[in-house]
Amino acid sequence: MIKFLLWCILFVLCWPLALAALVLYPLVWLLLLPFRIFGIAVQGVLEIVAAILFLPARLLRAI
C-alpha cells in the first residue's frame, strides 16, 4: 500500500517518471529473477554444507 501511495505522489509530481517506473518495473524484476534463483540455490548449498559440518557435534550431543 505504501508503494502505491508513493507512486501516486510521484505521478502527481512528475507523471512521465511515474509512467516510466510503471513500465520498467516488470522488466527490472525479470532481469533480477535469475540472481534471486541463484541466491536461493547458493543458500541451499551452504545449509547442506553447514549440516554436514555440524553433524558430528549433533551426534555427540545426542549421546
N, C-alpha and C. Protein backbone atom coordinates (compact mmCIF):
# COMPACT_ATOMS: atom_id res chain seq x y z
N MET A 1 0.83 -1.19 0.00
CA MET A 1 0.00 0.00 0.00
C MET A 1 0.87 1.25 0.00
N ILE A 2 1.97 1.20 0.75
CA ILE A 2 2.85 2.37 0.81
C ILE A 2 3.47 2.63 -0.56
N LYS A 3 3.85 1.55 -1.26
CA LYS A 3 4.44 1.73 -2.59
C LYS A 3 3.45 2.39 -3.54
N PHE A 4 2.19 2.00 -3.43
CA PHE A 4 1.17 2.59 -4.29
C PHE A 4 0.99 4.07 -3.97
N LEU A 5 0.97 4.42 -2.70
CA LEU A 5 0.82 5.83 -2.32
C LEU A 5 2.02 6.65 -2.78
N LEU A 6 3.22 6.08 -2.65
CA LEU A 6 4.41 6.78 -3.14
C LEU A 6 4.35 6.96 -4.65
N TRP A 7 3.86 5.94 -5.35
CA TRP A 7 3.72 6.07 -6.80
C TRP A 7 2.70 7.14 -7.16
N CYS A 8 1.62 7.23 -6.41
CA CYS A 8 0.61 8.28 -6.67
C CYS A 8 1.20 9.67 -6.47
N ILE A 9 2.00 9.82 -5.42
CA ILE A 9 2.65 11.12 -5.20
C ILE A 9 3.62 11.42 -6.33
N LEU A 10 4.39 10.42 -6.76
CA LEU A 10 5.29 10.61 -7.89
C LEU A 10 4.51 10.94 -9.15
N PHE A 11 3.36 10.32 -9.34
CA PHE A 11 2.53 10.60 -10.52
C PHE A 11 2.06 12.05 -10.52
N VAL A 12 1.71 12.58 -9.36
CA VAL A 12 1.26 13.97 -9.28
C VAL A 12 2.44 14.92 -9.52
N LEU A 13 3.61 14.59 -8.98
CA LEU A 13 4.76 15.49 -9.11
C LEU A 13 5.41 15.41 -10.48
N CYS A 14 5.56 14.20 -11.00
CA CYS A 14 6.26 14.04 -12.27
C CYS A 14 5.69 12.82 -12.99
N TRP A 15 4.62 13.02 -13.75
CA TRP A 15 3.91 11.89 -14.34
C TRP A 15 4.73 11.11 -15.36
N PRO A 16 5.63 11.72 -16.16
CA PRO A 16 6.41 10.88 -17.08
C PRO A 16 7.32 9.88 -16.35
N LEU A 17 7.91 10.33 -15.25
CA LEU A 17 8.77 9.44 -14.48
C LEU A 17 7.96 8.31 -13.85
N ALA A 18 6.77 8.64 -13.38
CA ALA A 18 5.91 7.62 -12.77
C ALA A 18 5.47 6.58 -13.81
N LEU A 19 5.14 7.02 -15.00
CA LEU A 19 4.76 6.06 -16.05
C LEU A 19 5.94 5.22 -16.49
N ALA A 20 7.13 5.84 -16.55
CA ALA A 20 8.32 5.07 -16.90
C ALA A 20 8.60 4.01 -15.83
N ALA A 21 8.43 4.38 -14.57
CA ALA A 21 8.63 3.42 -13.49
C ALA A 21 7.61 2.29 -13.59
N LEU A 22 6.40 2.61 -13.94
CA LEU A 22 5.34 1.61 -14.07
C LEU A 22 5.66 0.61 -15.19
N VAL A 23 6.25 1.09 -16.27
CA VAL A 23 6.57 0.23 -17.40
C VAL A 23 7.86 -0.57 -17.14
N LEU A 24 8.85 0.07 -16.51
CA LEU A 24 10.15 -0.57 -16.35
C LEU A 24 10.21 -1.53 -15.18
N TYR A 25 9.32 -1.41 -14.19
CA TYR A 25 9.37 -2.27 -13.01
C TYR A 25 9.29 -3.76 -13.36
N PRO A 26 8.35 -4.20 -14.20
CA PRO A 26 8.32 -5.64 -14.55
C PRO A 26 9.57 -6.10 -15.30
N LEU A 27 10.13 -5.23 -16.13
CA LEU A 27 11.34 -5.60 -16.86
C LEU A 27 12.53 -5.77 -15.92
N VAL A 28 12.67 -4.87 -14.96
CA VAL A 28 13.75 -4.97 -13.98
C VAL A 28 13.55 -6.23 -13.13
N TRP A 29 12.31 -6.52 -12.77
CA TRP A 29 12.02 -7.72 -11.98
C TRP A 29 12.43 -8.98 -12.74
N LEU A 30 12.13 -9.01 -14.03
CA LEU A 30 12.52 -10.16 -14.85
C LEU A 30 14.03 -10.28 -14.99
N LEU A 31 14.72 -9.14 -15.09
CA LEU A 31 16.18 -9.18 -15.19
C LEU A 31 16.83 -9.66 -13.90
N LEU A 32 16.24 -9.35 -12.75
CA LEU A 32 16.82 -9.74 -11.47
C LEU A 32 16.40 -11.13 -11.03
N LEU A 33 15.44 -11.74 -11.69
CA LEU A 33 14.94 -13.06 -11.30
C LEU A 33 16.03 -14.15 -11.30
N PRO A 34 16.91 -14.22 -12.30
CA PRO A 34 17.97 -15.25 -12.25
C PRO A 34 18.89 -15.09 -11.04
N PHE A 35 19.15 -13.86 -10.62
CA PHE A 35 20.01 -13.65 -9.45
C PHE A 35 19.32 -14.12 -8.18
N ARG A 36 18.01 -13.97 -8.10
CA ARG A 36 17.28 -14.48 -6.94
C ARG A 36 17.32 -16.01 -6.91
N ILE A 37 17.12 -16.63 -8.05
CA ILE A 37 17.17 -18.10 -8.12
C ILE A 37 18.57 -18.59 -7.75
N PHE A 38 19.60 -17.92 -8.25
CA PHE A 38 20.98 -18.28 -7.91
C PHE A 38 21.22 -18.12 -6.41
N GLY A 39 20.70 -17.07 -5.81
CA GLY A 39 20.85 -16.86 -4.38
C GLY A 39 20.17 -17.94 -3.56
N ILE A 40 19.01 -18.37 -3.98
CA ILE A 40 18.31 -19.45 -3.29
C ILE A 40 19.12 -20.75 -3.38
N ALA A 41 19.69 -21.01 -4.56
CA ALA A 41 20.48 -22.23 -4.74
C ALA A 41 21.74 -22.19 -3.88
N VAL A 42 22.42 -21.06 -3.84
CA VAL A 42 23.63 -20.93 -3.02
C VAL A 42 23.29 -21.09 -1.55
N GLN A 43 22.19 -20.51 -1.11
CA GLN A 43 21.78 -20.64 0.29
C GLN A 43 21.51 -22.11 0.63
N GLY A 44 20.88 -22.83 -0.26
CA GLY A 44 20.62 -24.25 -0.03
C GLY A 44 21.90 -25.06 0.08
N VAL A 45 22.87 -24.78 -0.79
CA VAL A 45 24.15 -25.49 -0.74
C VAL A 45 24.88 -25.18 0.55
N LEU A 46 24.88 -23.93 0.97
CA LEU A 46 25.56 -23.57 2.21
C LEU A 46 24.89 -24.21 3.42
N GLU A 47 23.57 -24.34 3.40
CA GLU A 47 22.88 -25.00 4.51
C GLU A 47 23.23 -26.49 4.56
N ILE A 48 23.37 -27.13 3.40
CA ILE A 48 23.76 -28.54 3.37
C ILE A 48 25.18 -28.71 3.91
N VAL A 49 26.09 -27.83 3.50
CA VAL A 49 27.47 -27.90 3.99
C VAL A 49 27.51 -27.70 5.50
N ALA A 50 26.74 -26.74 6.01
CA ALA A 50 26.70 -26.49 7.46
C ALA A 50 26.13 -27.70 8.19
N ALA A 51 25.11 -28.32 7.62
CA ALA A 51 24.53 -29.50 8.26
C ALA A 51 25.53 -30.65 8.30
N ILE A 52 26.31 -30.82 7.25
CA ILE A 52 27.33 -31.88 7.23
C ILE A 52 28.42 -31.58 8.25
N LEU A 53 28.84 -30.31 8.34
CA LEU A 53 29.90 -29.96 9.28
C LEU A 53 29.45 -30.10 10.74
N PHE A 54 28.21 -29.80 11.03
CA PHE A 54 27.72 -29.86 12.40
C PHE A 54 27.16 -31.22 12.79
N LEU A 55 27.12 -32.16 11.85
CA LEU A 55 26.57 -33.48 12.15
C LEU A 55 27.33 -34.21 13.27
N PRO A 56 28.67 -34.23 13.27
CA PRO A 56 29.36 -34.92 14.37
C PRO A 56 29.05 -34.31 15.74
N ALA A 57 28.96 -33.01 15.82
CA ALA A 57 28.65 -32.36 17.10
C ALA A 57 27.24 -32.70 17.54
N ARG A 58 26.32 -32.77 16.61
CA ARG A 58 24.94 -33.13 16.99
C ARG A 58 24.85 -34.58 17.44
N LEU A 59 25.63 -35.45 16.80
CA LEU A 59 25.63 -36.85 17.22
C LEU A 59 26.25 -37.02 18.60
N LEU A 60 27.34 -36.30 18.89
CA LEU A 60 27.96 -36.38 20.19
C LEU A 60 27.05 -35.81 21.29
N ARG A 61 26.34 -34.76 20.96
CA ARG A 61 25.44 -34.14 21.91
C ARG A 61 24.26 -35.07 22.24
N ALA A 62 23.85 -35.89 21.27
CA ALA A 62 22.72 -36.78 21.47
C ALA A 62 23.08 -37.97 22.37
N ILE A 63 24.36 -38.25 22.47
CA ILE A 63 24.78 -39.41 23.29
C ILE A 63 24.71 -39.08 24.76
